[in-house]
Amino acid sequence: MRTKLTAVAALAVAAITLTAVASANTSGAINAGRAAAAVPSCRAGNAPLPGGASTNPKSGAGLVARGWDSWSYAGEPACGAGSAKAKQRVAIQVTSDGGGFVLIPLTSGALKSDTGTVAFCCWTQRTIMRHGESIDINNPRMTLTGKLGTLVARNRIGWIEAPDGLSVFTGTWKVIRGTGAYAGLAGGGRGAGVTLTDADGTTKAQFEGFLHLK
């Protein structure tokens, strides 16, 4: 009797094993005939981050703790990330009193080297005291008229006195408008300059920054 029960149990185990193997083979055949799900090359802006984190930068709490930033994860860029407006870095060297300007592209882009005349107008001046130092604040409009077009920018600069009659400044510049090759541009940056002690009080300056389409 015990021998018969043992034989029945062995048959039952064998039947269960065969059923499992057949099921696995069937599932594999089905999956083999099914097209693999497409893996997106980027993540849509509304797609959730792993762990349920939001891609909205305003709800970025906890993202750092999870190891994700607010725009991408695991090196995967957000869709449309490559559509940002390209910025081109430029330098603008200026010499007053008829010295003109030279625009020099510092990175590749649509803008090319240009030269021409420079004019400043519409100064407003006020003097402030910062940490015991007197600073003259000015915001002149700078107009560059070159071979490729005209670029108009607004400066905000602070002048300080230096020994031997020199004056130096640092400040910012921001594009207002342009024509020709400079039409439709926006951007700006920072600059610095010095007024020399020659008879004309020549000022030499260099402005650097980024320009891009609006």
C-alpha atoms as a PDB file:
ATOM      1  CA  MET A   1       0.000   0.000   0.000  1.00  0.00           C
ATOM      2  CA  ARG A   2       2.838   2.398   0.976  1.00  0.00           C
ATOM      3  CA  THR A   3       4.565   1.618  -2.325  1.00  0.00           C
ATOM      4  CA  LYS A   4       1.450   2.552  -4.323  1.00  0.00           C
ATOM      5  CA  LEU A   5       1.033   5.863  -2.471  1.00  0.00           C
ATOM      6  CA  THR A   6       4.670   6.754  -3.133  1.00  0.00           C
ATOM      7  CA  ALA A   7       4.261   6.028  -6.830  1.00  0.00           C
ATOM      8  CA  VAL A   8       1.107   8.187  -7.023  1.00  0.00           C
ATOM      9  CA  ALA A   9       2.898  11.100  -5.306  1.00  0.00           C
ATOM     10  CA  ALA A  10       5.812  10.870  -7.718  1.00  0.00           C
ATOM     11  CA  LEU A  11       3.443  10.971 -10.687  1.00  0.00           C
ATOM     12  CA  ALA A  12       1.718  14.056  -9.269  1.00  0.00           C
ATOM     13  CA  VAL A  13       5.017  15.881  -8.858  1.00  0.00           C
ATOM     14  CA  ALA A  14       6.019  15.026 -12.397  1.00  0.00           C
ATOM     15  CA  ALA A  15       2.707  16.325 -13.771  1.00  0.00           C
ATOM     16  CA  ILE A  16       3.093  19.636 -11.912  1.00  0.00           C
ATOM     17  CA  THR A  17       6.645  20.040 -13.245  1.00  0.00           C
ATOM     18  CA  LEU A  18       5.560  19.368 -16.834  1.00  0.00           C
ATOM     19  CA  THR A  19       2.711  21.878 -16.499  1.00  0.00           C
ATOM     20  CA  ALA A  20       5.092  24.603 -15.241  1.00  0.00           C
ATOM     21  CA  VAL A  21       7.569  23.962 -18.057  1.00  0.00           C
ATOM     22  CA  ALA A  22       4.818  24.093 -20.678  1.00  0.00           C
ATOM     23  CA  SER A  23       3.477  27.360 -19.246  1.00  0.00           C
ATOM     24  CA  ALA A  24       6.944  28.945 -19.310  1.00  0.00           C
ATOM     25  CA  ASN A  25       7.499  27.850 -22.911  1.00  0.00           C
ATOM     26  CA  THR A  26       4.125  29.262 -23.970  1.00  0.00           C
ATOM     27  CA  SER A  27       4.814  32.581 -22.254  1.00  0.00           C
ATOM     28  CA  GLY A  28       8.243  32.777 -23.884  1.00  0.00           C
ATOM     29  CA  ALA A  29       6.783  32.127 -27.318  1.00  0.00           C
ATOM     30  CA  ILE A  30       4.164  34.824 -26.826  1.00  0.00           C
ATOM     31  CA  ASN A  31       6.738  37.339 -25.600  1.00  0.00           C
ATOM     32  CA  ALA A  32       9.092  36.466 -28.447  1.00  0.00           C
ATOM     33  CA  GLY A  33       6.426  37.403 -30.967  1.00  0.00           C
ATOM     34  CA  ARG A  34       5.564  40.641 -29.217  1.00  0.00           C
ATOM     35  CA  ALA A  35       7.389  43.845 -30.241  1.00  0.00           C
ATOM     36  CA  ALA A  36       9.563  45.297 -27.500  1.00  0.00           C
ATOM     37  CA  ALA A  37       8.174  48.421 -25.883  1.00  0.00           C
ATOM     38  CA  ALA A  38       9.781  51.544 -27.284  1.00  0.00           C
ATOM     39  CA  VAL A  39      12.183  53.198 -24.866  1.00  0.00           C
ATOM     40  CA  PRO A  40      11.844  56.972 -25.109  1.00  0.00           C
ATOM     41  CA  SER A  41      15.027  58.911 -25.781  1.00  0.00           C
ATOM     42  CA  CYS A  42      13.836  61.636 -23.463  1.00  0.00           C
ATOM     43  CA  ARG A  43      11.334  62.187 -20.671  1.00  0.00           C
ATOM     44  CA  ALA A  44       8.237  64.278 -21.256  1.00  0.00           C
ATOM     45  CA  GLY A  45       7.904  67.278 -18.989  1.00  0.00           C
ATOM     46  CA  ASN A  46       4.880  65.824 -17.143  1.00  0.00           C
ATOM     47  CA  ALA A  47       6.347  62.329 -16.753  1.00  0.00           C
ATOM     48  CA  PRO A  48       6.872  61.403 -13.088  1.00  0.00           C
ATOM     49  CA  LEU A  49      10.331  60.807 -11.734  1.00  0.00           C
ATOM     50  CA  PRO A  50      11.113  57.506 -10.019  1.00  0.00           C
ATOM     51  CA  GLY A  51       9.610  57.344  -6.569  1.00  0.00           C
ATOM     52  CA  GLY A  52       6.798  59.689  -7.560  1.00  0.00           C
ATOM     53  CA  ALA A  53       8.850  62.895  -7.563  1.00  0.00           C
ATOM     54  CA  SER A  54       7.500  65.701  -9.674  1.00  0.00           C
ATOM     55  CA  THR A  55       9.335  67.312 -12.587  1.00  0.00           C
ATOM     56  CA  ASN A  56       7.866  70.682 -11.660  1.00  0.00           C
ATOM     57  CA  PRO A  57      10.759  72.820 -10.356  1.00  0.00           C
ATOM     58  CA  LYS A  58       8.356  74.524  -7.966  1.00  0.00           C
ATOM     59  CA  SER A  59       7.794  71.204  -6.194  1.00  0.00           C
ATOM     60  CA  GLY A  60      11.456  70.205  -5.981  1.00  0.00           C
ATOM     61  CA  ALA A  61      11.406  69.388  -2.263  1.00  0.00           C
ATOM     62  CA  GLY A  62      12.885  65.996  -1.622  1.00  0.00           C
ATOM     63  CA  LEU A  63      14.394  65.610  -5.106  1.00  0.00           C
ATOM     64  CA  VAL A  64      17.925  65.986  -3.850  1.00  0.00           C
ATOM     65  CA  ALA A  65      17.258  63.475  -1.106  1.00  0.00           C
ATOM     66  CA  ARG A  66      16.092  60.990  -3.726  1.00  0.00           C
ATOM     67  CA  GLY A  67      19.140  61.675  -5.845  1.00  0.00           C
ATOM     68  CA  TRP A  68      17.233  63.255  -8.751  1.00  0.00           C
ATOM     69  CA  ASP A  69      17.304  66.766 -10.073  1.00  0.00           C
ATOM     70  CA  SER A  70      14.142  68.539 -11.179  1.00  0.00           C
ATOM     71  CA  TRP A  71      14.649  68.040 -14.926  1.00  0.00           C
ATOM     72  CA  SER A  72      16.305  64.686 -15.573  1.00  0.00           C
ATOM     73  CA  TYR A  73      17.214  61.424 -13.937  1.00  0.00           C
ATOM     74  CA  ALA A  74      19.688  58.635 -14.616  1.00  0.00           C
ATOM     75  CA  GLY A  75      21.239  60.855 -17.263  1.00  0.00           C
ATOM     76  CA  GLU A  76      18.008  61.006 -19.255  1.00  0.00           C
ATOM     77  CA  PRO A  77      17.275  64.504 -20.649  1.00  0.00           C
ATOM     78  CA  ALA A  78      13.831  65.998 -20.544  1.00  0.00           C
ATOM     79  CA  CYS A  79      12.104  66.185 -23.922  1.00  0.00           C
ATOM     80  CA  GLY A  80      12.785  69.481 -25.584  1.00  0.00           C
ATOM     81  CA  ALA A  81      15.964  70.089 -23.605  1.00  0.00           C
ATOM     82  CA  GLY A  82      17.930  70.381 -26.818  1.00  0.00           C
ATOM     83  CA  SER A  83      15.708  73.158 -28.123  1.00  0.00           C
ATOM     84  CA  ALA A  84      17.151  75.861 -25.853  1.00  0.00           C
ATOM     85  CA  LYS A  85      18.314  78.957 -27.691  1.00  0.00           C
ATOM     86  CA  ALA A  86      22.007  78.714 -28.489  1.00  0.00           C
ATOM     87  CA  LYS A  87      24.155  81.354 -26.811  1.00  0.00           C
ATOM     88  CA  GLN A  88      27.329  82.734 -28.352  1.00  0.00           C
ATOM     89  CA  ARG A  89      30.015  84.275 -26.184  1.00  0.00           C
ATOM     90  CA  VAL A  90      31.529  87.500 -27.491  1.00  0.00           C
ATOM     91  CA  ALA A  91      34.004  90.188 -26.485  1.00  0.00           C
ATOM     92  CA  ILE A  92      33.607  93.849 -27.446  1.00  0.00           C
ATOM     93  CA  GLN A  93      36.727  96.027 -27.211  1.00  0.00           C
ATOM     94  CA  VAL A  94      35.995  99.747 -27.146  1.00  0.00           C
ATOM     95  CA  THR A  95      38.258 102.796 -27.414  1.00  0.00           C
ATOM     96  CA  SER A  96      36.773 106.273 -27.030  1.00  0.00           C
ATOM     97  CA  ASP A  97      37.584 109.395 -29.046  1.00  0.00           C
ATOM     98  CA  GLY A  98      37.325 107.833 -32.469  1.00  0.00           C
ATOM     99  CA  GLY A  99      39.018 104.559 -31.598  1.00  0.00           C
ATOM    100  CA  GLY A 100      35.875 102.589 -32.408  1.00  0.00           C
ATOM    101  CA  PHE A 101      35.067  99.015 -31.436  1.00  0.00           C
ATOM    102  CA  VAL A 102      36.059  95.468 -32.322  1.00  0.00           C
ATOM    103  CA  LEU A 103      33.590  92.615 -31.780  1.00  0.00           C
ATOM    104  CA  ILE A 104      35.304  89.252 -31.349  1.00  0.00           C
ATOM    105  CA  PRO A 105      33.371  85.954 -31.228  1.00  0.00           C
ATOM    106  CA  LEU A 106      34.778  83.812 -28.414  1.00  0.00           C
ATOM    107  CA  THR A 107      32.731  80.735 -29.307  1.00  0.00           C
ATOM    108  CA  SER A 108      31.315  79.404 -32.568  1.00  0.00           C
ATOM    109  CA  GLY A 109      27.977  80.754 -33.756  1.00  0.00           C
ATOM    110  CA  ALA A 110      26.199  82.966 -36.254  1.00  0.00           C
ATOM    111  CA  LEU A 111      27.979  86.186 -35.275  1.00  0.00           C
ATOM    112  CA  LYS A 112      31.242  87.029 -37.022  1.00  0.00           C
ATOM    113  CA  SER A 113      34.002  89.518 -36.222  1.00  0.00           C
ATOM    114  CA  ASP A 114      33.003  93.126 -36.783  1.00  0.00           C
ATOM    115  CA  THR A 115      34.517  96.592 -36.460  1.00  0.00           C
ATOM    116  CA  GLY A 116      33.146 100.122 -36.572  1.00  0.00           C
ATOM    117  CA  THR A 117      32.437 103.229 -34.555  1.00  0.00           C
ATOM    118  CA  VAL A 118      31.114 103.533 -31.019  1.00  0.00           C
ATOM    119  CA  ALA A 119      29.096 106.304 -29.388  1.00  0.00           C
ATOM    120  CA  PHE A 120      27.840 106.832 -25.832  1.00  0.00           C
ATOM    121  CA  CYS A 121      24.991 109.068 -24.802  1.00  0.00           C
ATOM    122  CA  CYS A 122      22.271 109.752 -22.307  1.00  0.00           C
ATOM    123  CA  TRP A 123      24.384 109.543 -19.178  1.00  0.00           C
ATOM    124  CA  THR A 124      22.813 109.845 -15.751  1.00  0.00           C
ATOM    125  CA  GLN A 125      25.196 110.071 -12.829  1.00  0.00           C
ATOM    126  CA  ARG A 126      24.854 109.653  -9.116  1.00  0.00           C
ATOM    127  CA  THR A 127      27.468 109.119  -6.440  1.00  0.00           C
ATOM    128  CA  ILE A 128      27.244 106.491  -3.738  1.00  0.00           C
ATOM    129  CA  MET A 129      29.478 105.511  -0.850  1.00  0.00           C
ATOM    130  CA  ARG A 130      30.267 101.822  -0.449  1.00  0.00           C
ATOM    131  CA  HIS A 131      32.479 100.623   2.386  1.00  0.00           C
ATOM    132  CA  GLY A 132      34.008 104.093   2.561  1.00  0.00           C
ATOM    133  CA  GLU A 133      34.748 104.306  -1.179  1.00  0.00           C
ATOM    134  CA  SER A 134      33.120 106.920  -3.425  1.00  0.00           C
ATOM    135  CA  ILE A 135      31.644 105.421  -6.629  1.00  0.00           C
ATOM    136  CA  ASP A 136      30.126 107.316  -9.552  1.00  0.00           C
ATOM    137  CA  ILE A 137      27.241 105.285 -11.005  1.00  0.00           C
ATOM    138  CA  ASN A 138      26.415 105.837 -14.702  1.00  0.00           C
ATOM    139  CA  ASN A 139      24.084 104.118 -17.174  1.00  0.00           C
ATOM    140  CA  PRO A 140      25.041 105.340 -20.664  1.00  0.00           C
ATOM    141  CA  ARG A 141      23.571 103.951 -23.852  1.00  0.00           C
ATOM    142  CA  MET A 142      26.252 102.379 -26.055  1.00  0.00           C
ATOM    143  CA  THR A 143      25.744 102.256 -29.829  1.00  0.00           C
ATOM    144  CA  LEU A 144      28.048 100.124 -31.960  1.00  0.00           C
ATOM    145  CA  THR A 145      27.781 100.873 -35.688  1.00  0.00           C
ATOM    146  CA  GLY A 146      29.650  98.182 -37.577  1.00  0.00           C
ATOM    147  CA  LYS A 147      30.001  96.739 -41.035  1.00  0.00           C
ATOM    148  CA  LEU A 148      27.485  93.997 -40.200  1.00  0.00           C
ATOM    149  CA  GLY A 149      24.855  96.143 -38.485  1.00  0.00           C
ATOM    150  CA  THR A 150      24.133  98.256 -35.429  1.00  0.00           C
ATOM    151  CA  LEU A 151      23.989  97.013 -31.840  1.00  0.00           C
ATOM    152  CA  VAL A 152      22.557  99.205 -29.082  1.00  0.00           C
ATOM    153  CA  ALA A 153      23.106  98.300 -25.428  1.00  0.00           C
ATOM    154  CA  ARG A 154      22.528  99.882 -22.026  1.00  0.00           C
ATOM    155  CA  ASN A 155      25.443  99.970 -19.601  1.00  0.00           C
ATOM    156  CA  ARG A 156      25.387 100.274 -15.842  1.00  0.00           C
ATOM    157  CA  ILE A 157      28.878 101.056 -14.625  1.00  0.00           C
ATOM    158  CA  GLY A 158      30.586 102.278 -11.475  1.00  0.00           C
ATOM    159  CA  TRP A 159      33.660 104.519 -11.673  1.00  0.00           C
ATOM    160  CA  ILE A 160      36.295 104.847  -8.963  1.00  0.00           C
ATOM    161  CA  GLU A 161      39.375 107.027  -8.815  1.00  0.00           C
ATOM    162  CA  ALA A 162      42.864 105.485  -8.942  1.00  0.00           C
ATOM    163  CA  PRO A 163      46.319 107.029  -8.409  1.00  0.00           C
ATOM    164  CA  ASP A 164      48.008 109.276 -10.985  1.00  0.00           C
ATOM    165  CA  GLY A 165      44.751 110.588 -12.406  1.00  0.00           C
ATOM    166  CA  LEU A 166      43.432 107.213 -13.593  1.00  0.00           C
ATOM    167  CA  SER A 167      39.783 106.164 -13.305  1.00  0.00           C
ATOM    168  CA  VAL A 168      38.566 102.592 -13.583  1.00  0.00           C
ATOM    169  CA  PHE A 169      35.110 101.080 -13.886  1.00  0.00           C
ATOM    170  CA  THR A 170      33.308  97.770 -13.841  1.00  0.00           C
ATOM    171  CA  GLY A 171      29.700  97.112 -14.709  1.00  0.00           C
ATOM    172  CA  THR A 172      27.148  95.381 -16.872  1.00  0.00           C
ATOM    173  CA  TRP A 173      25.698  95.729 -20.363  1.00  0.00           C
ATOM    174  CA  LYS A 174      22.399  94.573 -21.846  1.00  0.00           C
ATOM    175  CA  VAL A 175      21.227  94.575 -25.466  1.00  0.00           C
ATOM    176  CA  ILE A 176      18.337  96.924 -26.263  1.00  0.00           C
ATOM    177  CA  ARG A 177      18.004  96.396 -30.013  1.00  0.00           C
ATOM    178  CA  GLY A 178      19.962  95.741 -33.187  1.00  0.00           C
ATOM    179  CA  THR A 179      19.903  95.814 -36.967  1.00  0.00           C
ATOM    180  CA  GLY A 180      21.529  93.712 -39.658  1.00  0.00           C
ATOM    181  CA  ALA A 181      23.405  90.769 -38.174  1.00  0.00           C
ATOM    182  CA  TYR A 182      22.337  91.967 -34.704  1.00  0.00           C
ATOM    183  CA  ALA A 183      18.594  92.134 -35.394  1.00  0.00           C
ATOM    184  CA  GLY A 184      16.501  90.088 -32.974  1.00  0.00           C
ATOM    185  CA  LEU A 185      19.342  89.537 -30.513  1.00  0.00           C
ATOM    186  CA  ALA A 186      19.175  89.604 -26.733  1.00  0.00           C
ATOM    187  CA  GLY A 187      21.757  89.135 -24.039  1.00  0.00           C
ATOM    188  CA  GLY A 188      24.531  90.985 -22.305  1.00  0.00           C
ATOM    189  CA  GLY A 189      27.258  90.499 -19.746  1.00  0.00           C
ATOM    190  CA  ARG A 190      29.903  92.378 -17.805  1.00  0.00           C
ATOM    191  CA  GLY A 191      32.660  94.832 -18.639  1.00  0.00           C
ATOM    192  CA  ALA A 192      35.592  96.801 -17.275  1.00  0.00           C
ATOM    193  CA  GLY A 193      37.604  99.782 -18.431  1.00  0.00           C
ATOM    194  CA  VAL A 194      40.095 102.493 -17.592  1.00  0.00           C
ATOM    195  CA  THR A 195      40.445 106.172 -18.424  1.00  0.00           C
ATOM    196  CA  LEU A 196      44.027 107.044 -19.267  1.00  0.00           C
ATOM    197  CA  THR A 197      45.944 110.184 -18.319  1.00  0.00           C
ATOM    198  CA  ASP A 198      46.570 111.345 -21.887  1.00  0.00           C
ATOM    199  CA  ALA A 199      45.435 114.772 -23.062  1.00  0.00           C
ATOM    200  CA  ASP A 200      42.167 113.402 -24.439  1.00  0.00           C
ATOM    201  CA  GLY A 201      41.332 111.259 -21.422  1.00  0.00           C
ATOM    202  CA  THR A 202      40.982 108.191 -23.660  1.00  0.00           C
ATOM    203  CA  THR A 203      38.918 105.359 -22.228  1.00  0.00           C
ATOM    204  CA  LYS A 204      39.623 101.743 -23.116  1.00  0.00           C
ATOM    205  CA  ALA A 205      37.148  99.038 -22.165  1.00  0.00           C
ATOM    206  CA  GLN A 206      36.271  95.432 -22.807  1.00  0.00           C
ATOM    207  CA  PHE A 207      32.772  93.985 -22.524  1.00  0.00           C
ATOM    208  CA  GLU A 208      32.185  90.231 -22.526  1.00  0.00           C
ATOM    209  CA  GLY A 209      28.983  88.219 -22.432  1.00  0.00           C
ATOM    210  CA  PHE A 210      26.498  86.053 -24.286  1.00  0.00           C
ATOM    211  CA  LEU A 211      24.220  86.915 -27.228  1.00  0.00           C
ATOM    212  CA  HIS A 212      21.297  84.842 -28.496  1.00  0.00           C
ATOM    213  CA  LEU A 213      18.069  85.173 -30.479  1.00  0.00           C
ATOM    214  CA  LYS A 214      15.052  86.389 -28.523  1.00  0.00           C
END
